[in-house]
Amino acid sequence: MLNIVRIIRCIDETRSEYVKWRKEDHRADLAGEYRDVTKLVLDMKKIPADAHMFRVGGWPVAIVVSDVMRLEMIRVGCEGAVFRLIEVSK
């Protein structure tokens, strides 16, 4: 089990596809946060070099791991993880 508490706001809003919560929605407390992200593009300028595992700020359902972390998880036999390549902007 992992408890990932590091959160980094790093979505490239110019290249990602998303919908944000509005005050008029049934979750007005989430207004301005991401309701759904159908295309996630990360802005690498906002991600510190030491960030090998974190949640995406504003959309915490997404967990990002670096390639270094992914390879280590595979090496030690981490089961149940599904890895997907994420587009990044530099």
C-alpha atoms as a PDB file:
ATOM      1  CA  MET A   1       0.000   0.000   0.000  1.00  0.00           C
ATOM      2  CA  LEU A   2       1.215   3.493  -0.811  1.00  0.00           C
ATOM      3  CA  ASN A   3       0.274   6.737   0.886  1.00  0.00           C
ATOM      4  CA  ILE A   4       1.313   9.421  -1.559  1.00  0.00           C
ATOM      5  CA  VAL A   5       1.077  12.799   0.140  1.00  0.00           C
ATOM      6  CA  ARG A   6       3.213  14.981  -2.123  1.00  0.00           C
ATOM      7  CA  ILE A   7       1.031  17.146  -4.373  1.00  0.00           C
ATOM      8  CA  ILE A   8       2.390  19.189  -7.261  1.00  0.00           C
ATOM      9  CA  ARG A   9       0.309  21.560  -9.387  1.00  0.00           C
ATOM     10  CA  CYS A  10       1.792  20.770 -12.784  1.00  0.00           C
ATOM     11  CA  ILE A  11      -0.959  20.371 -15.375  1.00  0.00           C
ATOM     12  CA  ASP A  12      -0.166  22.176 -18.625  1.00  0.00           C
ATOM     13  CA  GLU A  13      -3.598  23.715 -19.140  1.00  0.00           C
ATOM     14  CA  THR A  14      -2.752  24.914 -22.651  1.00  0.00           C
ATOM     15  CA  ARG A  15      -2.188  21.346 -23.904  1.00  0.00           C
ATOM     16  CA  SER A  16      -4.375  19.252 -21.589  1.00  0.00           C
ATOM     17  CA  GLU A  17      -8.071  18.545 -22.086  1.00  0.00           C
ATOM     18  CA  TYR A  18     -10.165  18.968 -18.955  1.00  0.00           C
ATOM     19  CA  VAL A  19     -13.361  20.231 -17.354  1.00  0.00           C
ATOM     20  CA  LYS A  20     -13.339  22.210 -14.117  1.00  0.00           C
ATOM     21  CA  TRP A  21     -16.007  22.301 -11.433  1.00  0.00           C
ATOM     22  CA  ARG A  22     -18.193  25.432 -11.483  1.00  0.00           C
ATOM     23  CA  LYS A  23     -19.994  27.127  -8.599  1.00  0.00           C
ATOM     24  CA  GLU A  24     -23.264  26.097 -10.275  1.00  0.00           C
ATOM     25  CA  ASP A  25     -22.389  22.385 -10.081  1.00  0.00           C
ATOM     26  CA  HIS A  26     -23.570  20.178  -7.242  1.00  0.00           C
ATOM     27  CA  ARG A  27     -20.064  20.426  -5.696  1.00  0.00           C
ATOM     28  CA  ALA A  28     -19.613  24.190  -5.429  1.00  0.00           C
ATOM     29  CA  ASP A  29     -16.918  23.550  -2.819  1.00  0.00           C
ATOM     30  CA  LEU A  30     -14.737  22.208  -5.647  1.00  0.00           C
ATOM     31  CA  ALA A  31     -15.228  25.198  -7.986  1.00  0.00           C
ATOM     32  CA  GLY A  32     -12.063  25.800  -9.982  1.00  0.00           C
ATOM     33  CA  GLU A  33     -10.675  22.297  -9.426  1.00  0.00           C
ATOM     34  CA  TYR A  34     -10.505  19.706 -12.189  1.00  0.00           C
ATOM     35  CA  ARG A  35     -13.683  17.687 -12.550  1.00  0.00           C
ATOM     36  CA  ASP A  36     -12.326  15.460 -15.305  1.00  0.00           C
ATOM     37  CA  VAL A  37      -9.075  15.301 -17.235  1.00  0.00           C
ATOM     38  CA  THR A  38      -9.305  13.393 -20.517  1.00  0.00           C
ATOM     39  CA  LYS A  39      -5.854  14.351 -21.777  1.00  0.00           C
ATOM     40  CA  LEU A  40      -3.170  14.936 -19.166  1.00  0.00           C
ATOM     41  CA  VAL A  41      -0.067  16.886 -20.179  1.00  0.00           C
ATOM     42  CA  LEU A  42       2.399  17.783 -17.423  1.00  0.00           C
ATOM     43  CA  ASP A  43       4.461  20.970 -17.357  1.00  0.00           C
ATOM     44  CA  MET A  44       7.959  19.721 -16.502  1.00  0.00           C
ATOM     45  CA  LYS A  45       9.068  23.225 -15.444  1.00  0.00           C
ATOM     46  CA  LYS A  46       6.737  22.923 -12.445  1.00  0.00           C
ATOM     47  CA  ILE A  47       8.032  19.524 -11.302  1.00  0.00           C
ATOM     48  CA  PRO A  48      11.109  19.461  -9.026  1.00  0.00           C
ATOM     49  CA  ALA A  49      13.940  17.130 -10.039  1.00  0.00           C
ATOM     50  CA  ASP A  50      13.517  15.096  -6.840  1.00  0.00           C
ATOM     51  CA  ALA A  51       9.812  14.401  -7.463  1.00  0.00           C
ATOM     52  CA  HIS A  52       9.732  10.675  -8.237  1.00  0.00           C
ATOM     53  CA  MET A  53       6.185  10.002  -6.989  1.00  0.00           C
ATOM     54  CA  PHE A  54       3.387  12.512  -6.440  1.00  0.00           C
ATOM     55  CA  ARG A  55      -0.278  13.333  -6.934  1.00  0.00           C
ATOM     56  CA  VAL A  56      -1.322  15.947  -9.474  1.00  0.00           C
ATOM     57  CA  GLY A  57      -2.499  19.122  -7.762  1.00  0.00           C
ATOM     58  CA  GLY A  58      -6.138  19.893  -8.494  1.00  0.00           C
ATOM     59  CA  TRP A  59      -6.744  16.329  -9.702  1.00  0.00           C
ATOM     60  CA  PRO A  60      -5.432  14.010  -6.964  1.00  0.00           C
ATOM     61  CA  VAL A  61      -6.743  10.821  -8.558  1.00  0.00           C
ATOM     62  CA  ALA A  62      -3.706  10.937 -10.858  1.00  0.00           C
ATOM     63  CA  ILE A  63      -0.514   9.502  -9.403  1.00  0.00           C
ATOM     64  CA  VAL A  64       2.679  10.221 -11.304  1.00  0.00           C
ATOM     65  CA  VAL A  65       5.888   8.220 -10.961  1.00  0.00           C
ATOM     66  CA  SER A  66       9.184   8.949 -12.659  1.00  0.00           C
ATOM     67  CA  ASP A  67      10.735   6.383 -14.949  1.00  0.00           C
ATOM     68  CA  VAL A  68      13.356   5.730 -12.259  1.00  0.00           C
ATOM     69  CA  MET A  69      10.599   4.905  -9.749  1.00  0.00           C
ATOM     70  CA  ARG A  70       8.672   2.822 -12.289  1.00  0.00           C
ATOM     71  CA  LEU A  71      11.714   0.673 -13.018  1.00  0.00           C
ATOM     72  CA  GLU A  72      12.413   0.205  -9.311  1.00  0.00           C
ATOM     73  CA  MET A  73       8.806  -0.797  -8.636  1.00  0.00           C
ATOM     74  CA  ILE A  74       9.032  -3.402 -11.405  1.00  0.00           C
ATOM     75  CA  ARG A  75      12.414  -4.616 -10.129  1.00  0.00           C
ATOM     76  CA  VAL A  76      11.115  -5.285  -6.610  1.00  0.00           C
ATOM     77  CA  GLY A  77       7.981  -7.030  -7.917  1.00  0.00           C
ATOM     78  CA  CYS A  78       5.372  -4.381  -7.179  1.00  0.00           C
ATOM     79  CA  GLU A  79       2.072  -6.013  -8.152  1.00  0.00           C
ATOM     80  CA  GLY A  80      -1.122  -4.335  -9.266  1.00  0.00           C
ATOM     81  CA  ALA A  81       0.396  -1.137 -10.630  1.00  0.00           C
ATOM     82  CA  VAL A  82      -0.551  -0.132 -14.154  1.00  0.00           C
ATOM     83  CA  PHE A  83       1.765   2.352 -15.840  1.00  0.00           C
ATOM     84  CA  ARG A  84       0.735   4.691 -18.629  1.00  0.00           C
ATOM     85  CA  LEU A  85       2.961   7.102 -20.491  1.00  0.00           C
ATOM     86  CA  ILE A  86       2.064  10.744 -19.858  1.00  0.00           C
ATOM     87  CA  GLU A  87       2.758  13.539 -22.296  1.00  0.00           C
ATOM     88  CA  VAL A  88       4.948  16.339 -20.967  1.00  0.00           C
ATOM     89  CA  SER A  89       5.794  19.874 -22.048  1.00  0.00           C
ATOM     90  CA  LYS A  90       9.241  21.283 -21.429  1.00  0.00           C
END
